[in-house]
Amino acid sequence: MIIRNKSGIWGEIYAARYLRDMGCEILASNFRSRFGEADLVASVDGRMLVVEVKTRDENTDIRPMEAVDQGKKERLIKTAEVFMKAAGIDSLQPRFDVCEVWLGADYKPAKINYIENAFET
């Protein structure tokens, strides 16, 4: 059985590792604003990525991406704006991605699906 809180932490660790393996630099993790939280903020090739990580048990029938509803998207957009202002970034258009992570019983990644441009602003 996967413990929800612990699985989310592992999902974010595996997502960050995946991004680094793809040549990205992690700028922030769990960046919080009054609007919400961005799980990961990364950069690659002059582009800023705002990544929502959704983690599920490998035996679930529901795709993790389905948990990213319109309200979550709006909160991520506002949080990205706060991050960019705080970091002094004004020349980049953020890209909003979702990293789906399925975990096995031992919290090892059973599958990772990375969705670029999961939604537009």
C-alpha atoms as a PDB file:
ATOM      1  CA  MET A   1       0.000   0.000   0.000  1.00  0.00           C
ATOM      2  CA  ILE A   2       1.271   3.455  -0.925  1.00  0.00           C
ATOM      3  CA  ILE A   3       1.036   6.169   1.735  1.00  0.00           C
ATOM      4  CA  ARG A   4      -0.181   9.309  -0.029  1.00  0.00           C
ATOM      5  CA  ASN A   5       2.073  11.923   1.587  1.00  0.00           C
ATOM      6  CA  LYS A   6       5.186   9.783   1.248  1.00  0.00           C
ATOM      7  CA  SER A   7       4.370   8.846  -2.337  1.00  0.00           C
ATOM      8  CA  GLY A   8       4.137  12.509  -3.351  1.00  0.00           C
ATOM      9  CA  ILE A   9       7.603  13.182  -1.981  1.00  0.00           C
ATOM     10  CA  TRP A  10       9.025  10.195  -3.865  1.00  0.00           C
ATOM     11  CA  GLY A  11       7.225  11.271  -7.035  1.00  0.00           C
ATOM     12  CA  GLU A  12       8.827  14.722  -6.840  1.00  0.00           C
ATOM     13  CA  ILE A  13      12.266  13.188  -6.262  1.00  0.00           C
ATOM     14  CA  TYR A  14      11.892  10.948  -9.316  1.00  0.00           C
ATOM     15  CA  ALA A  15      10.504  13.815 -11.421  1.00  0.00           C
ATOM     16  CA  ALA A  16      13.452  16.054 -10.474  1.00  0.00           C
ATOM     17  CA  ARG A  17      15.870  13.254 -11.335  1.00  0.00           C
ATOM     18  CA  TYR A  18      14.098  12.770 -14.674  1.00  0.00           C
ATOM     19  CA  LEU A  19      14.403  16.496 -15.454  1.00  0.00           C
ATOM     20  CA  ARG A  20      18.108  16.580 -14.547  1.00  0.00           C
ATOM     21  CA  ASP A  21      18.706  13.530 -16.740  1.00  0.00           C
ATOM     22  CA  MET A  22      17.031  15.455 -19.592  1.00  0.00           C
ATOM     23  CA  GLY A  23      19.502  18.335 -19.127  1.00  0.00           C
ATOM     24  CA  CYS A  24      17.315  20.636 -17.035  1.00  0.00           C
ATOM     25  CA  GLU A  25      18.493  22.741 -14.122  1.00  0.00           C
ATOM     26  CA  ILE A  26      16.177  22.663 -11.117  1.00  0.00           C
ATOM     27  CA  LEU A  27      15.575  26.262 -10.009  1.00  0.00           C
ATOM     28  CA  ALA A  28      13.136  25.525  -7.170  1.00  0.00           C
ATOM     29  CA  SER A  29      11.131  22.753  -5.605  1.00  0.00           C
ATOM     30  CA  ASN A  30       7.905  23.212  -3.688  1.00  0.00           C
ATOM     31  CA  PHE A  31       7.828  26.933  -4.410  1.00  0.00           C
ATOM     32  CA  ARG A  32       4.911  28.386  -2.472  1.00  0.00           C
ATOM     33  CA  SER A  33       2.977  31.562  -3.049  1.00  0.00           C
ATOM     34  CA  ARG A  34      -0.289  32.795  -1.621  1.00  0.00           C
ATOM     35  CA  PHE A  35      -1.965  31.233  -4.666  1.00  0.00           C
ATOM     36  CA  GLY A  36      -0.554  27.734  -4.340  1.00  0.00           C
ATOM     37  CA  GLU A  37       2.534  25.654  -4.928  1.00  0.00           C
ATOM     38  CA  ALA A  38       4.677  24.730  -7.917  1.00  0.00           C
ATOM     39  CA  ASP A  39       6.205  21.293  -7.347  1.00  0.00           C
ATOM     40  CA  LEU A  40       9.237  21.986  -9.542  1.00  0.00           C
ATOM     41  CA  VAL A  41      10.540  24.959 -11.469  1.00  0.00           C
ATOM     42  CA  ALA A  42      13.312  24.183 -13.927  1.00  0.00           C
ATOM     43  CA  SER A  43      15.089  25.691 -16.895  1.00  0.00           C
ATOM     44  CA  VAL A  44      16.429  24.252 -20.114  1.00  0.00           C
ATOM     45  CA  ASP A  45      17.575  25.947 -23.304  1.00  0.00           C
ATOM     46  CA  GLY A  46      16.502  29.381 -22.083  1.00  0.00           C
ATOM     47  CA  ARG A  47      13.020  28.201 -21.196  1.00  0.00           C
ATOM     48  CA  MET A  48      11.408  28.085 -17.761  1.00  0.00           C
ATOM     49  CA  LEU A  49       9.390  24.966 -16.925  1.00  0.00           C
ATOM     50  CA  VAL A  50       6.740  24.909 -14.224  1.00  0.00           C
ATOM     51  CA  VAL A  51       6.126  21.258 -13.449  1.00  0.00           C
ATOM     52  CA  GLU A  52       3.198  19.771 -11.577  1.00  0.00           C
ATOM     53  CA  VAL A  53       4.055  16.280 -10.324  1.00  0.00           C
ATOM     54  CA  LYS A  54       1.219  13.824  -9.828  1.00  0.00           C
ATOM     55  CA  THR A  55       2.002  10.488  -8.226  1.00  0.00           C
ATOM     56  CA  ARG A  56      -0.192   7.410  -8.048  1.00  0.00           C
ATOM     57  CA  ASP A  57       0.047   3.738  -7.163  1.00  0.00           C
ATOM     58  CA  GLU A  58       0.942   1.621 -10.191  1.00  0.00           C
ATOM     59  CA  ASN A  59      -2.326  -0.332  -9.816  1.00  0.00           C
ATOM     60  CA  THR A  60      -4.632   2.674 -10.117  1.00  0.00           C
ATOM     61  CA  ASP A  61      -6.948   3.005 -13.086  1.00  0.00           C
ATOM     62  CA  ILE A  62      -6.965   6.807 -12.931  1.00  0.00           C
ATOM     63  CA  ARG A  63      -4.298   8.796 -14.748  1.00  0.00           C
ATOM     64  CA  PRO A  64      -2.467  11.233 -12.488  1.00  0.00           C
ATOM     65  CA  MET A  65      -2.982  14.045 -15.037  1.00  0.00           C
ATOM     66  CA  GLU A  66      -6.724  13.905 -14.359  1.00  0.00           C
ATOM     67  CA  ALA A  67      -6.079  15.538 -10.966  1.00  0.00           C
ATOM     68  CA  VAL A  68      -4.893  18.751 -12.657  1.00  0.00           C
ATOM     69  CA  ASP A  69      -8.179  20.583 -12.921  1.00  0.00           C
ATOM     70  CA  GLN A  70      -8.878  24.138 -14.080  1.00  0.00           C
ATOM     71  CA  GLY A  71      -8.471  25.554 -10.572  1.00  0.00           C
ATOM     72  CA  LYS A  72      -5.053  23.924 -10.211  1.00  0.00           C
ATOM     73  CA  LYS A  73      -3.985  25.287 -13.588  1.00  0.00           C
ATOM     74  CA  GLU A  74      -5.017  28.827 -12.613  1.00  0.00           C
ATOM     75  CA  ARG A  75      -3.150  28.568  -9.293  1.00  0.00           C
ATOM     76  CA  LEU A  76      -0.013  27.308 -11.087  1.00  0.00           C
ATOM     77  CA  ILE A  77      -0.120  30.197 -13.552  1.00  0.00           C
ATOM     78  CA  LYS A  78      -0.388  32.746 -10.732  1.00  0.00           C
ATOM     79  CA  THR A  79       2.340  30.989  -8.727  1.00  0.00           C
ATOM     80  CA  ALA A  80       4.625  31.031 -11.789  1.00  0.00           C
ATOM     81  CA  GLU A  81       4.082  34.788 -12.093  1.00  0.00           C
ATOM     82  CA  VAL A  82       5.070  35.236  -8.427  1.00  0.00           C
ATOM     83  CA  PHE A  83       8.165  33.055  -8.910  1.00  0.00           C
ATOM     84  CA  MET A  84       9.246  34.968 -11.999  1.00  0.00           C
ATOM     85  CA  LYS A  85       8.860  38.303 -10.224  1.00  0.00           C
ATOM     86  CA  ALA A  86      10.768  37.052  -7.148  1.00  0.00           C
ATOM     87  CA  ALA A  87      13.544  35.612  -9.322  1.00  0.00           C
ATOM     88  CA  GLY A  88      13.757  38.701 -11.542  1.00  0.00           C
ATOM     89  CA  ILE A  89      12.746  36.737 -14.625  1.00  0.00           C
ATOM     90  CA  ASP A  90      10.725  38.823 -17.019  1.00  0.00           C
ATOM     91  CA  SER A  91      11.889  37.764 -20.460  1.00  0.00           C
ATOM     92  CA  LEU A  92      10.810  34.105 -20.400  1.00  0.00           C
ATOM     93  CA  GLN A  93       7.442  32.612 -21.201  1.00  0.00           C
ATOM     94  CA  PRO A  94       6.890  29.716 -18.800  1.00  0.00           C
ATOM     95  CA  ARG A  95       5.899  26.306 -20.088  1.00  0.00           C
ATOM     96  CA  PHE A  96       3.522  24.295 -17.920  1.00  0.00           C
ATOM     97  CA  ASP A  97       4.289  20.581 -17.822  1.00  0.00           C
ATOM     98  CA  VAL A  98       2.911  17.639 -15.857  1.00  0.00           C
ATOM     99  CA  CYS A  99       5.010  14.701 -14.733  1.00  0.00           C
ATOM    100  CA  GLU A 100       2.969  11.583 -14.032  1.00  0.00           C
ATOM    101  CA  VAL A 101       4.718   9.115 -11.738  1.00  0.00           C
ATOM    102  CA  TRP A 102       3.412   5.653 -10.912  1.00  0.00           C
ATOM    103  CA  LEU A 103       5.031   3.940  -7.929  1.00  0.00           C
ATOM    104  CA  GLY A 104       5.386   0.266  -7.109  1.00  0.00           C
ATOM    105  CA  ALA A 105       4.856  -1.134  -3.624  1.00  0.00           C
ATOM    106  CA  ASP A 106       8.463  -0.345  -2.671  1.00  0.00           C
ATOM    107  CA  TYR A 107       8.171   3.333  -3.751  1.00  0.00           C
ATOM    108  CA  LYS A 108      10.279   2.646  -6.823  1.00  0.00           C
ATOM    109  CA  PRO A 109       9.078   4.275 -10.044  1.00  0.00           C
ATOM    110  CA  ALA A 110       7.090   1.799 -12.105  1.00  0.00           C
ATOM    111  CA  LYS A 111       6.474   4.341 -14.874  1.00  0.00           C
ATOM    112  CA  ILE A 112       7.071   8.019 -15.597  1.00  0.00           C
ATOM    113  CA  ASN A 113       5.157   9.939 -18.243  1.00  0.00           C
ATOM    114  CA  TYR A 114       6.307  13.502 -18.872  1.00  0.00           C
ATOM    115  CA  ILE A 115       3.799  15.768 -20.612  1.00  0.00           C
ATOM    116  CA  GLU A 116       5.241  18.941 -22.139  1.00  0.00           C
ATOM    117  CA  ASN A 117       2.879  21.888 -22.636  1.00  0.00           C
ATOM    118  CA  ALA A 118       0.208  20.126 -20.603  1.00  0.00           C
ATOM    119  CA  PHE A 119      -1.803  23.357 -20.687  1.00  0.00           C
ATOM    120  CA  GLU A 120      -1.555  26.900 -21.981  1.00  0.00           C
ATOM    121  CA  THR A 121      -1.865  30.188 -20.121  1.00  0.00           C
END
